[in-house]
Amino acid sequence: MDKSVKILRVESVLRELVPEAITTLLDERINNIPVLDIKCSRGKYDAEVFLDPSFTDLEDEKYIVKQLAKAGSYIENYCKQAEGWYRCPKFKFKFDHSLEKQNSIDALFLKIEKELHKKDG
C-alpha cells in the first residue's frame, strides 16, 4: 500500500529537523550521529529514526539509543516548535544495519564467483 502524501511530507520534514535537533544535544557521542532515514507509522503517531552504525560498536549503539530515547521529548518539542505543529510523532531510534548485510552478501557472491572461475579455468 502506498503512503499518503501527508505522511511522506512529514517524513521529509523530519529528515531535516531530527538531525538538527540531535546536533543541539550536549553529548558529543550523540550529536554527531548521522540520521539515515525516518519512517512514520500510518497514523503519524510513531516514527522510526534509522541511524548510521558506521562509526560505532555495539556498546556505543546501546548508549546512543538509550540517550536519544531520554532526549526524545526534547527532539519532539524541537520539531513541533520549528514547524508549528500541535503534535509530533514519538520517536524510536534504531541503527540500520541493512547496508552491512548487503555488503556481506555481495562479498559472498564475489567469493562464489571467484571459486567458480577457478574450477572452470
N, C-alpha and C. Protein backbone atom coordinates (compact mmCIF):
# COMPACT_ATOMS: atom_id res chain seq x y z
N MET A 1 0.84 -1.18 0.00
CA MET A 1 0.00 0.00 0.00
C MET A 1 0.89 1.25 0.00
N ASP A 2 0.57 2.19 -0.83
CA ASP A 2 1.35 3.42 -0.93
C ASP A 2 1.07 4.32 0.26
N LYS A 3 2.09 5.07 0.62
CA LYS A 3 1.94 6.03 1.72
C LYS A 3 1.23 7.27 1.21
N SER A 4 0.51 7.92 2.11
CA SER A 4 -0.18 9.14 1.73
C SER A 4 0.83 10.28 1.58
N VAL A 5 0.42 11.29 0.86
CA VAL A 5 1.27 12.44 0.62
C VAL A 5 1.58 13.14 1.95
N LYS A 6 0.61 13.16 2.86
CA LYS A 6 0.83 13.82 4.15
C LYS A 6 1.95 13.12 4.93
N ILE A 7 1.93 11.80 4.95
CA ILE A 7 2.96 11.06 5.69
C ILE A 7 4.31 11.28 5.03
N LEU A 8 4.36 11.24 3.71
CA LEU A 8 5.62 11.48 3.01
C LEU A 8 6.17 12.87 3.30
N ARG A 9 5.27 13.84 3.38
CA ARG A 9 5.67 15.21 3.68
C ARG A 9 6.22 15.32 5.11
N VAL A 10 5.55 14.67 6.05
CA VAL A 10 6.01 14.68 7.45
C VAL A 10 7.38 14.01 7.55
N GLU A 11 7.56 12.88 6.87
CA GLU A 11 8.86 12.20 6.89
C GLU A 11 9.95 13.09 6.32
N SER A 12 9.65 13.79 5.26
CA SER A 12 10.62 14.68 4.63
C SER A 12 11.04 15.80 5.58
N VAL A 13 10.06 16.40 6.24
CA VAL A 13 10.35 17.47 7.18
C VAL A 13 11.17 16.93 8.36
N LEU A 14 10.79 15.76 8.85
CA LEU A 14 11.50 15.18 9.99
C LEU A 14 12.94 14.80 9.63
N ARG A 15 13.19 14.42 8.38
CA ARG A 15 14.56 14.10 7.95
C ARG A 15 15.49 15.31 8.08
N GLU A 16 14.91 16.49 8.03
CA GLU A 16 15.70 17.71 8.21
C GLU A 16 15.76 18.13 9.68
N LEU A 17 14.63 18.05 10.36
CA LEU A 17 14.55 18.57 11.73
C LEU A 17 15.21 17.69 12.78
N VAL A 18 15.07 16.38 12.66
CA VAL A 18 15.63 15.48 13.69
C VAL A 18 17.15 15.59 13.75
N PRO A 19 17.87 15.56 12.61
CA PRO A 19 19.32 15.76 12.71
C PRO A 19 19.70 17.12 13.31
N GLU A 20 18.93 18.16 12.97
CA GLU A 20 19.18 19.48 13.56
C GLU A 20 19.04 19.42 15.07
N ALA A 21 17.97 18.79 15.54
CA ALA A 21 17.72 18.68 16.97
C ALA A 21 18.81 17.87 17.66
N ILE A 22 19.25 16.80 17.02
CA ILE A 22 20.29 15.96 17.61
C ILE A 22 21.60 16.73 17.74
N THR A 23 21.91 17.58 16.76
CA THR A 23 23.17 18.33 16.83
C THR A 23 23.17 19.36 17.97
N THR A 24 22.00 19.74 18.47
CA THR A 24 21.93 20.69 19.58
C THR A 24 22.13 20.03 20.93
N LEU A 25 22.16 18.70 20.98
CA LEU A 25 22.38 17.99 22.24
C LEU A 25 23.82 18.19 22.70
N LEU A 26 24.05 18.15 24.00
CA LEU A 26 25.37 18.46 24.54
C LEU A 26 26.35 17.29 24.49
N ASP A 27 25.86 16.07 24.41
CA ASP A 27 26.71 14.89 24.41
C ASP A 27 27.36 14.71 23.04
N GLU A 28 28.69 14.75 22.99
CA GLU A 28 29.40 14.65 21.71
C GLU A 28 29.29 13.27 21.08
N ARG A 29 29.05 12.24 21.88
CA ARG A 29 28.89 10.90 21.32
C ARG A 29 27.57 10.78 20.57
N ILE A 30 26.65 11.66 20.87
CA ILE A 30 25.31 11.59 20.27
C ILE A 30 25.13 12.62 19.16
N ASN A 31 25.59 13.84 19.39
CA ASN A 31 25.21 14.92 18.47
C ASN A 31 25.86 14.85 17.10
N ASN A 32 26.76 13.92 16.87
CA ASN A 32 27.37 13.77 15.55
C ASN A 32 26.87 12.54 14.80
N ILE A 33 25.91 11.84 15.35
CA ILE A 33 25.44 10.59 14.74
C ILE A 33 24.56 10.91 13.53
N PRO A 34 24.86 10.35 12.36
CA PRO A 34 24.06 10.63 11.16
C PRO A 34 22.71 9.90 11.17
N VAL A 35 21.69 10.59 10.72
CA VAL A 35 20.36 10.00 10.56
C VAL A 35 20.23 9.58 9.10
N LEU A 36 19.97 8.29 8.87
CA LEU A 36 19.84 7.77 7.52
C LEU A 36 18.45 7.97 6.95
N ASP A 37 17.44 7.68 7.77
CA ASP A 37 16.07 7.74 7.26
C ASP A 37 15.10 7.83 8.43
N ILE A 38 13.89 8.23 8.13
CA ILE A 38 12.81 8.28 9.12
C ILE A 38 11.56 7.72 8.45
N LYS A 39 10.92 6.78 9.12
CA LYS A 39 9.69 6.18 8.62
C LYS A 39 8.58 6.39 9.64
N CYS A 40 7.53 7.06 9.21
CA CYS A 40 6.37 7.30 10.08
C CYS A 40 5.38 6.16 9.97
N SER A 41 4.70 5.91 11.07
CA SER A 41 3.63 4.93 11.03
C SER A 41 2.44 5.52 10.29
N ARG A 42 1.48 4.70 10.03
CA ARG A 42 0.34 5.11 9.21
C ARG A 42 -0.42 6.29 9.81
N GLY A 43 -0.53 6.32 11.11
CA GLY A 43 -1.27 7.40 11.75
C GLY A 43 -0.43 8.59 12.15
N LYS A 44 0.85 8.59 11.83
CA LYS A 44 1.79 9.65 12.16
C LYS A 44 1.97 9.82 13.67
N TYR A 45 1.65 8.79 14.44
CA TYR A 45 1.83 8.88 15.89
C TYR A 45 3.19 8.37 16.32
N ASP A 46 3.81 7.55 15.53
CA ASP A 46 5.12 6.99 15.83
C ASP A 46 6.02 7.13 14.60
N ALA A 47 7.32 7.24 14.86
CA ALA A 47 8.28 7.30 13.77
C ALA A 47 9.55 6.57 14.18
N GLU A 48 10.06 5.77 13.26
CA GLU A 48 11.33 5.10 13.48
C GLU A 48 12.42 5.94 12.85
N VAL A 49 13.44 6.23 13.64
CA VAL A 49 14.57 7.01 13.16
C VAL A 49 15.74 6.05 13.00
N PHE A 50 16.21 5.89 11.77
CA PHE A 50 17.29 4.96 11.46
C PHE A 50 18.62 5.70 11.47
N LEU A 51 19.55 5.21 12.29
CA LEU A 51 20.84 5.85 12.48
C LEU A 51 21.94 5.06 11.77
N ASP A 52 23.01 5.75 11.42
CA ASP A 52 24.14 5.14 10.72
C ASP A 52 25.09 4.48 11.73
N PRO A 53 25.30 3.16 11.61
CA PRO A 53 26.17 2.46 12.56
C PRO A 53 27.64 2.42 12.15
N SER A 54 28.03 3.15 11.13
CA SER A 54 29.36 3.04 10.55
C SER A 54 30.50 3.25 11.55
N PHE A 55 30.36 4.20 12.44
CA PHE A 55 31.47 4.57 13.32
C PHE A 55 31.20 4.20 14.78
N THR A 56 30.37 3.20 14.99
CA THR A 56 30.03 2.82 16.36
C THR A 56 30.21 1.31 16.53
N ASP A 57 30.38 0.92 17.78
CA ASP A 57 30.37 -0.51 18.10
C ASP A 57 29.08 -0.79 18.87
N LEU A 58 28.88 -2.03 19.24
CA LEU A 58 27.62 -2.44 19.88
C LEU A 58 27.38 -1.69 21.19
N GLU A 59 28.44 -1.50 21.97
CA GLU A 59 28.30 -0.80 23.25
C GLU A 59 27.89 0.65 23.02
N ASP A 60 28.52 1.31 22.03
CA ASP A 60 28.15 2.69 21.70
C ASP A 60 26.71 2.78 21.21
N GLU A 61 26.30 1.81 20.41
CA GLU A 61 24.93 1.81 19.89
C GLU A 61 23.91 1.77 21.03
N LYS A 62 24.15 0.90 22.00
CA LYS A 62 23.24 0.81 23.15
C LYS A 62 23.18 2.13 23.90
N TYR A 63 24.34 2.73 24.12
CA TYR A 63 24.40 4.01 24.83
C TYR A 63 23.66 5.09 24.06
N ILE A 64 23.92 5.18 22.76
CA ILE A 64 23.32 6.22 21.94
C ILE A 64 21.80 6.08 21.89
N VAL A 65 21.31 4.86 21.69
CA VAL A 65 19.86 4.65 21.63
C VAL A 65 19.22 5.01 22.97
N LYS A 66 19.87 4.64 24.06
CA LYS A 66 19.35 4.94 25.40
C LYS A 66 19.28 6.45 25.62
N GLN A 67 20.36 7.16 25.25
CA GLN A 67 20.40 8.61 25.46
C GLN A 67 19.42 9.34 24.54
N LEU A 68 19.29 8.87 23.31
CA LEU A 68 18.32 9.50 22.40
C LEU A 68 16.89 9.26 22.86
N ALA A 69 16.63 8.09 23.44
CA ALA A 69 15.30 7.83 23.98
C ALA A 69 14.99 8.81 25.11
N LYS A 70 16.00 9.09 25.93
CA LYS A 70 15.82 10.06 27.01
C LYS A 70 15.57 11.46 26.46
N ALA A 71 16.23 11.78 25.35
CA ALA A 71 16.10 13.11 24.74
C ALA A 71 14.92 13.18 23.77
N GLY A 72 14.14 12.13 23.67
CA GLY A 72 13.03 12.07 22.71
C GLY A 72 12.05 13.21 22.82
N SER A 73 11.65 13.55 24.05
CA SER A 73 10.68 14.63 24.21
C SER A 73 11.28 15.97 23.80
N TYR A 74 12.57 16.18 24.06
CA TYR A 74 13.23 17.40 23.61
C TYR A 74 13.22 17.49 22.09
N ILE A 75 13.54 16.37 21.42
CA ILE A 75 13.57 16.35 19.96
C ILE A 75 12.17 16.57 19.40
N GLU A 76 11.15 15.97 20.03
CA GLU A 76 9.77 16.19 19.61
C GLU A 76 9.38 17.65 19.74
N ASN A 77 9.72 18.27 20.87
CA ASN A 77 9.41 19.69 21.07
C ASN A 77 10.14 20.57 20.07
N TYR A 78 11.37 20.22 19.76
CA TYR A 78 12.14 20.97 18.76
C TYR A 78 11.40 20.95 17.42
N CYS A 79 10.94 19.77 17.02
CA CYS A 79 10.23 19.63 15.74
C CYS A 79 8.89 20.38 15.76
N LYS A 80 8.17 20.27 16.88
CA LYS A 80 6.88 20.97 16.98
C LYS A 80 7.07 22.48 16.88
N GLN A 81 8.07 23.00 17.57
CA GLN A 81 8.30 24.45 17.54
C GLN A 81 8.77 24.92 16.17
N ALA A 82 9.63 24.14 15.54
CA ALA A 82 10.16 24.54 14.24
C ALA A 82 9.08 24.59 13.16
N GLU A 83 8.11 23.67 13.24
CA GLU A 83 7.08 23.59 12.21
C GLU A 83 5.73 24.16 12.65
N GLY A 84 5.60 24.50 13.93
CA GLY A 84 4.33 24.99 14.44
C GLY A 84 3.27 23.90 14.54
N TRP A 85 3.72 22.67 14.74
CA TRP A 85 2.80 21.54 14.84
C TRP A 85 2.20 21.47 16.25
N TYR A 86 1.01 20.91 16.30
CA TYR A 86 0.37 20.63 17.58
C TYR A 86 0.89 19.31 18.15
N ARG A 87 1.15 18.37 17.28
CA ARG A 87 1.58 17.04 17.68
C ARG A 87 2.76 16.60 16.81
N CYS A 88 3.66 15.85 17.42
CA CYS A 88 4.80 15.31 16.70
C CYS A 88 4.85 13.81 16.99
N PRO A 89 5.30 13.00 16.03
CA PRO A 89 5.38 11.56 16.30
C PRO A 89 6.34 11.25 17.44
N LYS A 90 6.07 10.17 18.14
CA LYS A 90 7.00 9.65 19.15
C LYS A 90 8.11 8.93 18.40
N PHE A 91 9.34 9.22 18.75
CA PHE A 91 10.47 8.66 18.02
C PHE A 91 11.00 7.40 18.68
N LYS A 92 11.32 6.44 17.83
CA LYS A 92 12.01 5.23 18.26
C LYS A 92 13.30 5.18 17.45
N PHE A 93 14.41 5.19 18.15
CA PHE A 93 15.72 5.25 17.49
C PHE A 93 16.30 3.86 17.37
N LYS A 94 16.82 3.56 16.19
CA LYS A 94 17.47 2.27 15.97
C LYS A 94 18.55 2.43 14.91
N PHE A 95 19.53 1.55 14.97
CA PHE A 95 20.61 1.57 13.99
C PHE A 95 20.24 0.69 12.81
N ASP A 96 20.55 1.18 11.62
CA ASP A 96 20.22 0.48 10.38
C ASP A 96 21.43 -0.30 9.89
N HIS A 97 21.38 -1.62 10.05
CA HIS A 97 22.49 -2.48 9.65
C HIS A 97 22.26 -3.11 8.28
N SER A 98 21.29 -2.65 7.54
CA SER A 98 20.97 -3.27 6.25
C SER A 98 22.11 -3.12 5.24
N LEU A 99 22.83 -2.00 5.28
CA LEU A 99 23.94 -1.82 4.34
C LEU A 99 25.05 -2.82 4.63
N GLU A 100 25.33 -3.06 5.92
CA GLU A 100 26.35 -4.05 6.28
C GLU A 100 25.95 -5.44 5.80
N LYS A 101 24.68 -5.78 5.96
CA LYS A 101 24.19 -7.08 5.50
C LYS A 101 24.32 -7.20 3.98
N GLN A 102 23.96 -6.14 3.27
CA GLN A 102 24.06 -6.14 1.82
C GLN A 102 25.51 -6.31 1.38
N ASN A 103 26.42 -5.62 2.05
CA ASN A 103 27.84 -5.73 1.70
C ASN A 103 28.37 -7.14 1.94
N SER A 104 27.94 -7.79 3.03
CA SER A 104 28.40 -9.15 3.29
C SER A 104 27.83 -10.13 2.27
N ILE A 105 26.61 -9.92 1.84
CA ILE A 105 26.00 -10.76 0.80
C ILE A 105 26.76 -10.58 -0.52
N ASP A 106 27.06 -9.33 -0.85
CA ASP A 106 27.84 -9.06 -2.07
C ASP A 106 29.21 -9.73 -2.02
N ALA A 107 29.84 -9.69 -0.85
CA ALA A 107 31.16 -10.32 -0.69
C ALA A 107 31.05 -11.83 -0.89
N LEU A 108 29.96 -12.43 -0.39
CA LEU A 108 29.77 -13.87 -0.58
C LEU A 108 29.59 -14.22 -2.05
N PHE A 109 28.83 -13.42 -2.76
CA PHE A 109 28.64 -13.67 -4.19
C PHE A 109 29.96 -13.53 -4.96
N LEU A 110 30.78 -12.56 -4.59
CA LEU A 110 32.09 -12.41 -5.24
C LEU A 110 32.97 -13.63 -4.96
N LYS A 111 32.93 -14.10 -3.74
CA LYS A 111 33.73 -15.28 -3.38
C LYS A 111 33.28 -16.51 -4.18
N ILE A 112 31.97 -16.69 -4.30
CA ILE A 112 31.43 -17.81 -5.07
C ILE A 112 31.84 -17.69 -6.54
N GLU A 113 31.76 -16.47 -7.07
CA GLU A 113 32.13 -16.25 -8.48
C GLU A 113 33.60 -16.58 -8.72
N LYS A 114 34.46 -16.17 -7.79
CA LYS A 114 35.90 -16.45 -7.94
C LYS A 114 36.16 -17.96 -7.89
N GLU A 115 35.47 -18.66 -6.99
CA GLU A 115 35.67 -20.10 -6.88
C GLU A 115 35.17 -20.82 -8.13
N LEU A 116 34.08 -20.34 -8.72
CA LEU A 116 33.58 -20.94 -9.95
C LEU A 116 34.57 -20.73 -11.11
N HIS A 117 35.19 -19.55 -11.16
CA HIS A 117 36.18 -19.27 -12.21
C HIS A 117 37.43 -20.14 -12.03
N LYS A 118 37.81 -20.45 -10.78
CA LYS A 118 38.96 -21.30 -10.54
C LYS A 118 38.69 -22.71 -11.04
N LYS A 119 37.46 -23.20 -10.81
CA LYS A 119 37.11 -24.55 -11.25
C LYS A 119 37.03 -24.65 -12.77
N ASP A 120 36.51 -23.59 -13.41
CA ASP A 120 36.36 -23.59 -14.86
C ASP A 120 37.70 -23.39 -15.57
N GLY A 121 38.54 -22.56 -14.99
CA GLY A 121 39.77 -22.17 -15.67
C GLY A 121 40.93 -22.97 -15.28
